[in-house]
């Protein structure tokens, strides 16, 4: 079965796998299934750091690298949506 037709749980697991190698040392990026969704061929997956005080450049850079790898290796159309912790 193609990842494009996978359910949210399956896509989230693949995203977590690819995020693992981009995890920073001083905080963790967490995939949030609540609020994540599919729209046509695209998946919009929410990702939130577990701390409030993170560099937005570092955070965005890690998400962009992960998106590129998901597209190249899994042919998955995914946008990792940054969520700011409250």
C-alpha atoms as a PDB file:
ATOM      1  CA  UNK A   1       0.000   0.000   0.000  1.00  0.00           C
ATOM      2  CA  UNK A   2       1.310   3.434  -0.926  1.00  0.00           C
ATOM      3  CA  UNK A   3       1.986   5.937   1.838  1.00  0.00           C
ATOM      4  CA  UNK A   4      -0.306   8.361   0.009  1.00  0.00           C
ATOM      5  CA  UNK A   5      -3.238   6.131   0.926  1.00  0.00           C
ATOM      6  CA  UNK A   6      -2.067   5.346   4.472  1.00  0.00           C
ATOM      7  CA  UNK A   7      -3.992   6.492   7.488  1.00  0.00           C
ATOM      8  CA  UNK A   8      -2.858   9.298   9.773  1.00  0.00           C
ATOM      9  CA  UNK A   9      -1.332   6.891  12.273  1.00  0.00           C
ATOM     10  CA  UNK A  10       0.845   5.276   9.609  1.00  0.00           C
ATOM     11  CA  UNK A  11       2.012   8.583   8.153  1.00  0.00           C
ATOM     12  CA  UNK A  12       2.739   9.918  11.661  1.00  0.00           C
ATOM     13  CA  UNK A  13       4.956   6.901  12.363  1.00  0.00           C
ATOM     14  CA  UNK A  14       6.924   7.477   9.162  1.00  0.00           C
ATOM     15  CA  UNK A  15       7.332  11.173  10.048  1.00  0.00           C
ATOM     16  CA  UNK A  16       8.543  10.236  13.553  1.00  0.00           C
ATOM     17  CA  UNK A  17      11.068   7.836  12.010  1.00  0.00           C
ATOM     18  CA  UNK A  18      12.510  10.561   9.766  1.00  0.00           C
ATOM     19  CA  UNK A  19      12.399  13.212  12.507  1.00  0.00           C
ATOM     20  CA  UNK A  20      14.462  10.968  14.788  1.00  0.00           C
ATOM     21  CA  UNK A  21      17.764  11.776  13.081  1.00  0.00           C
ATOM     22  CA  UNK A  22      17.004  15.515  13.195  1.00  0.00           C
ATOM     23  CA  UNK A  23      16.130  15.617  16.894  1.00  0.00           C
ATOM     24  CA  UNK A  24      18.051  18.353  18.716  1.00  0.00           C
ATOM     25  CA  UNK A  25      19.940  17.680  21.934  1.00  0.00           C
ATOM     26  CA  UNK A  26      18.244  20.300  24.096  1.00  0.00           C
ATOM     27  CA  UNK A  27      14.591  19.703  23.172  1.00  0.00           C
ATOM     28  CA  UNK A  28      12.419  17.132  21.405  1.00  0.00           C
ATOM     29  CA  UNK A  29      10.201  17.517  18.348  1.00  0.00           C
ATOM     30  CA  UNK A  30       6.875  15.778  18.924  1.00  0.00           C
ATOM     31  CA  UNK A  31       4.392  14.748  16.218  1.00  0.00           C
ATOM     32  CA  UNK A  32       0.841  15.762  17.189  1.00  0.00           C
ATOM     33  CA  UNK A  33      -1.841  13.625  15.566  1.00  0.00           C
ATOM     34  CA  UNK A  34      -4.605  15.850  16.932  1.00  0.00           C
ATOM     35  CA  UNK A  35      -5.037  18.567  14.332  1.00  0.00           C
ATOM     36  CA  UNK A  36      -2.985  16.778  11.657  1.00  0.00           C
ATOM     37  CA  UNK A  37      -4.908  15.934   8.504  1.00  0.00           C
ATOM     38  CA  UNK A  38      -4.861  14.921   4.868  1.00  0.00           C
ATOM     39  CA  UNK A  39      -6.061  17.185   2.078  1.00  0.00           C
ATOM     40  CA  UNK A  40      -5.997  15.456  -1.292  1.00  0.00           C
ATOM     41  CA  UNK A  41      -2.491  14.070  -1.837  1.00  0.00           C
ATOM     42  CA  UNK A  42      -0.969  16.246   0.895  1.00  0.00           C
ATOM     43  CA  UNK A  43      -0.557  15.488   4.584  1.00  0.00           C
ATOM     44  CA  UNK A  44      -0.382  18.353   7.088  1.00  0.00           C
ATOM     45  CA  UNK A  45       1.364  16.987  10.168  1.00  0.00           C
ATOM     46  CA  UNK A  46       1.683  19.134  13.293  1.00  0.00           C
ATOM     47  CA  UNK A  47       5.058  19.075  15.019  1.00  0.00           C
ATOM     48  CA  UNK A  48       5.668  20.782  18.365  1.00  0.00           C
ATOM     49  CA  UNK A  49       8.831  21.197  20.425  1.00  0.00           C
ATOM     50  CA  UNK A  50       8.553  20.060  24.036  1.00  0.00           C
ATOM     51  CA  UNK A  51      10.002  23.384  25.273  1.00  0.00           C
ATOM     52  CA  UNK A  52       8.901  26.980  24.778  1.00  0.00           C
ATOM     53  CA  UNK A  53      12.325  28.517  24.303  1.00  0.00           C
ATOM     54  CA  UNK A  54      13.656  27.083  21.046  1.00  0.00           C
ATOM     55  CA  UNK A  55      15.335  28.799  18.120  1.00  0.00           C
ATOM     56  CA  UNK A  56      12.695  29.246  15.414  1.00  0.00           C
ATOM     57  CA  UNK A  57      15.409  29.017  12.737  1.00  0.00           C
ATOM     58  CA  UNK A  58      16.706  25.719  14.144  1.00  0.00           C
ATOM     59  CA  UNK A  59      13.163  24.359  14.517  1.00  0.00           C
ATOM     60  CA  UNK A  60      12.137  25.298  10.955  1.00  0.00           C
ATOM     61  CA  UNK A  61      15.405  24.004   9.501  1.00  0.00           C
ATOM     62  CA  UNK A  62      14.924  20.584  11.087  1.00  0.00           C
ATOM     63  CA  UNK A  63      11.347  20.374   9.757  1.00  0.00           C
ATOM     64  CA  UNK A  64      12.430  21.404   6.245  1.00  0.00           C
ATOM     65  CA  UNK A  65      15.193  18.768   6.139  1.00  0.00           C
ATOM     66  CA  UNK A  66      12.721  16.119   7.265  1.00  0.00           C
ATOM     67  CA  UNK A  67      10.161  17.171   4.621  1.00  0.00           C
ATOM     68  CA  UNK A  68      12.822  16.924   1.907  1.00  0.00           C
ATOM     69  CA  UNK A  69      13.806  13.413   2.996  1.00  0.00           C
ATOM     70  CA  UNK A  70      10.179  12.261   3.177  1.00  0.00           C
ATOM     71  CA  UNK A  71       9.580  13.539  -0.341  1.00  0.00           C
ATOM     72  CA  UNK A  72      12.759  12.069  -1.781  1.00  0.00           C
ATOM     73  CA  UNK A  73      12.794   8.698  -0.018  1.00  0.00           C
ATOM     74  CA  UNK A  74       9.103   7.943   0.582  1.00  0.00           C
ATOM     75  CA  UNK A  75       7.527  10.026  -2.214  1.00  0.00           C
ATOM     76  CA  UNK A  76       5.283  11.401   0.500  1.00  0.00           C
ATOM     77  CA  UNK A  77       3.708  14.825   0.093  1.00  0.00           C
ATOM     78  CA  UNK A  78       3.881  16.183   3.616  1.00  0.00           C
ATOM     79  CA  UNK A  79       4.049  19.618   5.164  1.00  0.00           C
ATOM     80  CA  UNK A  80       5.321  19.607   8.722  1.00  0.00           C
ATOM     81  CA  UNK A  81       3.408  22.389  10.407  1.00  0.00           C
ATOM     82  CA  UNK A  82       5.254  24.046  13.295  1.00  0.00           C
ATOM     83  CA  UNK A  83       3.235  24.421  16.475  1.00  0.00           C
ATOM     84  CA  UNK A  84       4.356  26.851  19.165  1.00  0.00           C
ATOM     85  CA  UNK A  85       4.013  25.450  22.702  1.00  0.00           C
ATOM     86  CA  UNK A  86       1.724  27.351  25.044  1.00  0.00           C
END
